[in-house]
Amino acid sequence: MEFPTIVGLAASIATGYSQVPQLIKIFKEKQAESVSLWTVAVLFAGLAGWIWYGFLLKDWIIIISNMFSMVINILIAIFSIRYKKKNNVEI
């Protein structure tokens, strides 16, 4: 495996994992008031662009890592919407 591939894999793993603690926190606390859905939406657009770029280059590291990030962020969005609505109704 070439060095640039190793760097790409390491960066992909770090980037993909970066939102996992936020997802766990939202899930455990069942609270998402501090999560900005606009930020998540902009991130979706960026991830979609990276995935498209990966397909254009036929670079599976870019495609898979950004698809993983997209799944994590979709879950964050789903739980954020769910817990924001739930908490707003109770107030």
C-alpha atoms as a PDB file:
ATOM      1  CA  MET A   1       0.000   0.000   0.000  1.00  0.00           C
ATOM      2  CA  GLU A   2       1.400   3.378  -1.002  1.00  0.00           C
ATOM      3  CA  PHE A   3       1.948   6.185   1.501  1.00  0.00           C
ATOM      4  CA  PRO A   4      -0.680   8.548  -0.008  1.00  0.00           C
ATOM      5  CA  THR A   5      -3.242   5.751   0.301  1.00  0.00           C
ATOM      6  CA  ILE A   6      -2.343   5.270   3.974  1.00  0.00           C
ATOM      7  CA  VAL A   7      -2.671   9.024   4.596  1.00  0.00           C
ATOM      8  CA  GLY A   8      -6.047   9.032   2.820  1.00  0.00           C
ATOM      9  CA  LEU A   9      -7.293   6.089   4.869  1.00  0.00           C
ATOM     10  CA  ALA A  10      -6.161   7.667   8.145  1.00  0.00           C
ATOM     11  CA  ALA A  11      -7.795  10.985   7.264  1.00  0.00           C
ATOM     12  CA  SER A  12     -10.985   9.204   6.178  1.00  0.00           C
ATOM     13  CA  ILE A  13     -11.213   7.241   9.410  1.00  0.00           C
ATOM     14  CA  ALA A  14     -10.643  10.355  11.526  1.00  0.00           C
ATOM     15  CA  THR A  15     -13.169  12.407   9.564  1.00  0.00           C
ATOM     16  CA  GLY A  16     -15.773   9.659   9.557  1.00  0.00           C
ATOM     17  CA  TYR A  17     -15.392   9.022  13.279  1.00  0.00           C
ATOM     18  CA  SER A  18     -15.426  12.706  14.244  1.00  0.00           C
ATOM     19  CA  GLN A  19     -19.230  12.885  14.511  1.00  0.00           C
ATOM     20  CA  VAL A  20     -19.700   9.555  16.313  1.00  0.00           C
ATOM     21  CA  PRO A  21     -19.266  11.093  19.821  1.00  0.00           C
ATOM     22  CA  GLN A  22     -21.958  13.696  18.963  1.00  0.00           C
ATOM     23  CA  LEU A  23     -24.299  10.935  17.811  1.00  0.00           C
ATOM     24  CA  ILE A  24     -23.688   8.934  20.998  1.00  0.00           C
ATOM     25  CA  LYS A  25     -24.283  12.026  23.158  1.00  0.00           C
ATOM     26  CA  ILE A  26     -27.574  12.821  21.430  1.00  0.00           C
ATOM     27  CA  PHE A  27     -28.712   9.214  21.715  1.00  0.00           C
ATOM     28  CA  LYS A  28     -27.773   8.847  25.407  1.00  0.00           C
ATOM     29  CA  GLU A  29     -29.119  12.211  26.560  1.00  0.00           C
ATOM     30  CA  LYS A  30     -32.147  12.168  24.246  1.00  0.00           C
ATOM     31  CA  GLN A  31     -31.576  15.889  23.826  1.00  0.00           C
ATOM     32  CA  ALA A  32     -30.416  17.802  20.757  1.00  0.00           C
ATOM     33  CA  GLU A  33     -31.143  21.454  21.421  1.00  0.00           C
ATOM     34  CA  SER A  34     -27.556  22.511  20.675  1.00  0.00           C
ATOM     35  CA  VAL A  35     -27.372  20.755  17.300  1.00  0.00           C
ATOM     36  CA  SER A  36     -27.708  23.113  14.344  1.00  0.00           C
ATOM     37  CA  LEU A  37     -29.699  21.440  11.588  1.00  0.00           C
ATOM     38  CA  TRP A  38     -28.440  24.101   9.151  1.00  0.00           C
ATOM     39  CA  THR A  39     -24.896  22.960   9.858  1.00  0.00           C
ATOM     40  CA  VAL A  40     -25.913  19.348   9.277  1.00  0.00           C
ATOM     41  CA  ALA A  41     -27.619  20.335   6.006  1.00  0.00           C
ATOM     42  CA  VAL A  42     -24.514  22.144   4.755  1.00  0.00           C
ATOM     43  CA  LEU A  43     -22.428  19.147   5.768  1.00  0.00           C
ATOM     44  CA  PHE A  44     -24.779  16.871   3.759  1.00  0.00           C
ATOM     45  CA  ALA A  45     -24.187  19.033   0.690  1.00  0.00           C
ATOM     46  CA  GLY A  46     -20.428  18.866   1.182  1.00  0.00           C
ATOM     47  CA  LEU A  47     -20.446  15.113   1.730  1.00  0.00           C
ATOM     48  CA  ALA A  48     -22.618  14.608  -1.352  1.00  0.00           C
ATOM     49  CA  GLY A  49     -20.080  16.642  -3.328  1.00  0.00           C
ATOM     50  CA  TRP A  50     -17.218  14.519  -2.028  1.00  0.00           C
ATOM     51  CA  ILE A  51     -19.075  11.314  -2.864  1.00  0.00           C
ATOM     52  CA  TRP A  52     -19.739  12.580  -6.387  1.00  0.00           C
ATOM     53  CA  TYR A  53     -16.094  13.628  -6.691  1.00  0.00           C
ATOM     54  CA  GLY A  54     -15.036  10.150  -5.544  1.00  0.00           C
ATOM     55  CA  PHE A  55     -17.181   8.545  -8.238  1.00  0.00           C
ATOM     56  CA  LEU A  56     -15.733  10.876 -10.868  1.00  0.00           C
ATOM     57  CA  LEU A  57     -12.216   9.829  -9.812  1.00  0.00           C
ATOM     58  CA  LYS A  58     -13.247   6.220  -9.136  1.00  0.00           C
ATOM     59  CA  ASP A  59     -11.595   6.590  -5.726  1.00  0.00           C
ATOM     60  CA  TRP A  60     -13.182   4.152  -3.293  1.00  0.00           C
ATOM     61  CA  ILE A  61     -11.481   5.678  -0.257  1.00  0.00           C
ATOM     62  CA  ILE A  62     -13.241   8.989  -0.912  1.00  0.00           C
ATOM     63  CA  ILE A  63     -16.552   7.304  -1.730  1.00  0.00           C
ATOM     64  CA  ILE A  64     -16.729   4.895   1.209  1.00  0.00           C
ATOM     65  CA  SER A  65     -15.412   7.280   3.860  1.00  0.00           C
ATOM     66  CA  ASN A  66     -17.833  10.022   2.864  1.00  0.00           C
ATOM     67  CA  MET A  67     -20.734   7.587   2.629  1.00  0.00           C
ATOM     68  CA  PHE A  68     -19.919   6.483   6.200  1.00  0.00           C
ATOM     69  CA  SER A  69     -19.871  10.138   7.275  1.00  0.00           C
ATOM     70  CA  MET A  70     -23.169  10.704   5.482  1.00  0.00           C
ATOM     71  CA  VAL A  71     -24.810   7.812   7.370  1.00  0.00           C
ATOM     72  CA  ILE A  72     -23.555   9.144  10.722  1.00  0.00           C
ATOM     73  CA  ASN A  73     -24.840  12.632   9.905  1.00  0.00           C
ATOM     74  CA  ILE A  74     -28.192  11.313   8.689  1.00  0.00           C
ATOM     75  CA  LEU A  75     -28.557   9.586  12.061  1.00  0.00           C
ATOM     76  CA  ILE A  76     -27.599  12.811  13.844  1.00  0.00           C
ATOM     77  CA  ALA A  77     -30.244  14.685  11.838  1.00  0.00           C
ATOM     78  CA  ILE A  78     -32.924  12.069  12.533  1.00  0.00           C
ATOM     79  CA  PHE A  79     -32.247  11.959  16.275  1.00  0.00           C
ATOM     80  CA  SER A  80     -31.913  15.747  16.451  1.00  0.00           C
ATOM     81  CA  ILE A  81     -35.290  16.267  14.815  1.00  0.00           C
ATOM     82  CA  ARG A  82     -36.849  13.563  16.955  1.00  0.00           C
ATOM     83  CA  TYR A  83     -35.521  14.867  20.257  1.00  0.00           C
ATOM     84  CA  LYS A  84     -36.010  18.548  19.433  1.00  0.00           C
ATOM     85  CA  LYS A  85     -39.681  17.923  18.651  1.00  0.00           C
ATOM     86  CA  LYS A  86     -40.125  15.726  21.707  1.00  0.00           C
ATOM     87  CA  ASN A  87     -38.519  18.272  24.035  1.00  0.00           C
ATOM     88  CA  ASN A  88     -40.407  21.208  22.505  1.00  0.00           C
ATOM     89  CA  VAL A  89     -43.760  19.474  23.059  1.00  0.00           C
ATOM     90  CA  GLU A  90     -42.992  18.848  26.722  1.00  0.00           C
ATOM     91  CA  ILE A  91     -42.170  22.487  27.469  1.00  0.00           C
END
